[in-house]
Amino acid sequence: MPNTYTQIHLHVVFSVQNRQSLIAESWKERLYQYISGIIKNNGHKMLAIGGMPDHIHILFGLRPSQSLSEIMKVVKGESAKWINQNGFISGKFSWQEGYGAFSYSKSHIPAVVNYILTQEKHHKKTSFIEEYKELLEKFGIEYQEQFLFQKI
């Protein structure tokens, strides 16, 4: 798109179905590389990825060639398919429906990258659901408890 210039930095959070702790230490880095490849292959700029066994955080620069909902459908669909094809878990792997997406200015990027890369340290003090609620409240996003990433 000629003459289209954007700077859209998004921090996206999504969870394993039923918030199960299925992302194992033995293959999580390969998963992060795979998801990073999906983001890059769709023309976006990958900035950081990290998480815990039950959820993932990604920070990327969204290009105007694709909507957020489109890229998230691709990321979640292709990565779940990859996990299942590689047989990393017994049974079928899937991501929970939905995601949280939060925008940041360029000046906040270093702090968000640090936050994403230090998830294990952060989650020694805060649960995933507490973290997610804090993000929603920080950004003034109204939510209904029954629709949060909770165990089914």
Protein backbone atom coordinates (compact mmCIF):
# COMPACT_ATOMS: atom_id res chain seq x y z
CA MET A 1 0.00 0.00 0.00
CA PRO A 2 1.85 3.08 -1.19
CA ASN A 3 1.79 6.09 1.12
CA THR A 4 0.53 4.03 4.06
CA TYR A 5 2.62 4.47 7.18
CA THR A 6 1.79 2.95 10.53
CA GLN A 7 3.29 2.30 13.93
CA ILE A 8 0.98 -0.12 15.73
CA HIS A 9 2.57 -2.13 18.54
CA LEU A 10 0.31 -4.81 20.01
CA HIS A 11 0.74 -6.98 23.07
CA VAL A 12 -1.50 -10.03 22.65
CA VAL A 13 -2.26 -12.61 25.34
CA PHE A 14 -3.98 -15.95 24.78
CA SER A 15 -4.44 -19.13 26.74
CA VAL A 16 -4.36 -22.88 26.28
CA GLN A 17 -7.87 -24.37 26.20
CA ASN A 18 -9.24 -24.60 29.75
CA ARG A 19 -6.03 -22.89 30.94
CA GLN A 20 -4.31 -26.26 31.12
CA SER A 21 -0.56 -26.17 31.64
CA LEU A 22 0.31 -28.04 28.45
CA ILE A 23 3.21 -26.03 26.99
CA ALA A 24 6.21 -28.04 28.14
CA GLU A 25 9.67 -26.65 28.78
CA SER A 26 11.07 -29.22 26.33
CA TRP A 27 9.31 -27.68 23.29
CA LYS A 28 8.21 -24.18 24.27
CA GLU A 29 11.16 -22.46 22.52
CA ARG A 30 10.34 -24.32 19.31
CA LEU A 31 6.72 -23.17 19.68
CA TYR A 32 7.86 -19.57 20.20
CA GLN A 33 10.03 -19.81 17.07
CA TYR A 34 7.14 -21.26 15.10
CA ILE A 35 4.74 -18.50 16.19
CA SER A 36 7.42 -15.88 15.48
CA GLY A 37 7.73 -17.32 11.97
CA ILE A 38 3.98 -17.07 11.43
CA ILE A 39 4.01 -13.41 12.48
CA LYS A 40 6.99 -12.61 10.22
CA ASN A 41 5.67 -14.62 7.24
CA ASN A 42 2.46 -12.58 7.41
CA GLY A 43 4.46 -9.35 7.05
CA HIS A 44 4.41 -8.20 10.67
CA LYS A 45 7.36 -7.30 12.92
CA MET A 46 7.94 -9.70 15.82
CA LEU A 47 9.26 -7.94 18.93
CA ALA A 48 8.93 -10.46 21.80
CA ILE A 49 7.31 -13.73 22.78
CA GLY A 50 7.11 -15.48 26.13
CA GLY A 51 4.74 -17.06 28.52
CA MET A 52 3.98 -19.86 30.88
CA PRO A 53 2.76 -23.45 30.43
CA ASP A 54 -0.86 -22.21 30.22
CA HIS A 55 -0.60 -18.98 28.20
CA ILE A 56 1.47 -16.91 25.77
CA HIS A 57 2.28 -13.22 25.34
CA ILE A 58 3.41 -11.81 22.00
CA LEU A 59 4.42 -8.27 21.13
CA PHE A 60 4.55 -7.35 17.47
CA GLY A 61 4.24 -4.48 15.05
CA LEU A 62 0.99 -4.92 13.13
CA ARG A 63 1.16 -4.01 9.45
CA PRO A 64 -1.97 -2.61 7.77
CA SER A 65 -2.08 -5.49 5.28
CA GLN A 66 -3.95 -7.74 7.72
CA SER A 67 -6.39 -7.23 10.58
CA LEU A 68 -5.61 -8.28 14.14
CA SER A 69 -8.41 -10.86 14.09
CA GLU A 70 -7.04 -12.35 10.85
CA ILE A 71 -3.47 -12.70 12.11
CA MET A 72 -4.63 -14.14 15.45
CA LYS A 73 -6.78 -16.71 13.67
CA VAL A 74 -3.71 -17.75 11.65
CA VAL A 75 -1.35 -17.75 14.67
CA LYS A 76 -3.63 -19.80 16.87
CA GLY A 77 -4.82 -22.15 14.12
CA GLU A 78 -1.43 -22.90 12.59
CA SER A 79 0.37 -23.23 15.93
CA ALA A 80 -2.27 -25.63 17.34
CA LYS A 81 -2.03 -27.69 14.16
CA TRP A 82 1.79 -27.74 14.46
CA ILE A 83 1.62 -28.85 18.12
CA ASN A 84 -0.80 -31.66 17.21
CA GLN A 85 1.21 -32.79 14.16
CA ASN A 86 4.35 -33.03 16.29
CA GLY A 87 2.56 -35.03 18.99
CA PHE A 88 3.82 -32.86 21.82
CA ILE A 89 0.85 -33.78 24.03
CA SER A 90 -1.42 -36.79 24.30
CA GLY A 91 -4.84 -35.86 23.02
CA LYS A 92 -5.75 -32.82 20.98
CA PHE A 93 -4.21 -29.42 21.71
CA SER A 94 -6.22 -26.24 21.22
CA TRP A 95 -6.10 -22.61 22.28
CA GLN A 96 -8.97 -21.11 24.25
CA GLU A 97 -11.28 -18.93 22.19
CA GLY A 98 -10.46 -15.24 22.19
CA TYR A 99 -7.45 -13.17 23.22
CA GLY A 100 -6.55 -9.88 24.84
CA ALA A 101 -4.84 -7.23 22.73
CA PHE A 102 -3.29 -4.06 24.09
CA SER A 103 -1.59 -1.25 22.17
CA TYR A 104 1.57 0.52 23.26
CA SER A 105 3.52 3.53 22.08
CA LYS A 106 7.10 3.09 20.90
CA SER A 107 8.47 4.51 24.16
CA HIS A 108 6.84 1.68 26.15
CA ILE A 109 8.23 -1.15 24.00
CA PRO A 110 11.38 -1.87 26.10
CA ALA A 111 9.30 -2.25 29.28
CA VAL A 112 6.74 -4.50 27.57
CA VAL A 113 9.52 -6.66 26.06
CA ASN A 114 11.06 -7.02 29.53
CA TYR A 115 7.67 -7.91 31.00
CA ILE A 116 7.08 -10.61 28.38
CA LEU A 117 10.58 -12.09 28.71
CA THR A 118 10.33 -12.29 32.52
CA GLN A 119 6.98 -14.06 32.77
CA GLU A 120 8.27 -16.81 35.07
CA LYS A 121 9.49 -14.24 37.60
CA HIS A 122 6.23 -12.30 37.35
CA HIS A 123 4.07 -15.39 37.88
CA LYS A 124 5.77 -16.29 41.13
CA LYS A 125 3.67 -13.45 42.60
CA THR A 126 0.63 -13.20 40.31
CA SER A 127 -1.65 -15.80 38.73
CA PHE A 128 -2.54 -15.65 35.05
CA ILE A 129 -6.13 -14.58 35.74
CA GLU A 130 -4.92 -11.81 38.10
CA GLU A 131 -2.42 -10.67 35.47
CA TYR A 132 -5.09 -10.64 32.77
CA LYS A 133 -7.53 -8.65 34.91
CA GLU A 134 -4.77 -6.14 35.71
CA LEU A 135 -4.15 -5.61 31.99
CA LEU A 136 -7.86 -5.17 31.26
CA GLU A 137 -8.25 -2.70 34.12
CA LYS A 138 -5.06 -0.80 33.23
CA PHE A 139 -6.46 -0.22 29.74
CA GLY A 140 -9.97 0.59 30.97
CA ILE A 141 -11.52 -2.42 29.25
CA GLU A 142 -14.84 -3.51 30.66
CA TYR A 143 -15.21 -7.28 30.97
CA GLN A 144 -17.53 -9.92 32.31
CA GLU A 145 -16.04 -12.52 34.64
CA GLN A 146 -17.71 -15.44 32.85
CA PHE A 147 -15.91 -14.58 29.60
CA LEU A 148 -12.38 -14.40 30.99
CA PHE A 149 -9.84 -17.15 30.37
CA GLN A 150 -11.15 -19.43 33.06
CA LYS A 151 -11.20 -23.17 33.48
CA ILE A 152 -14.31 -24.71 31.99
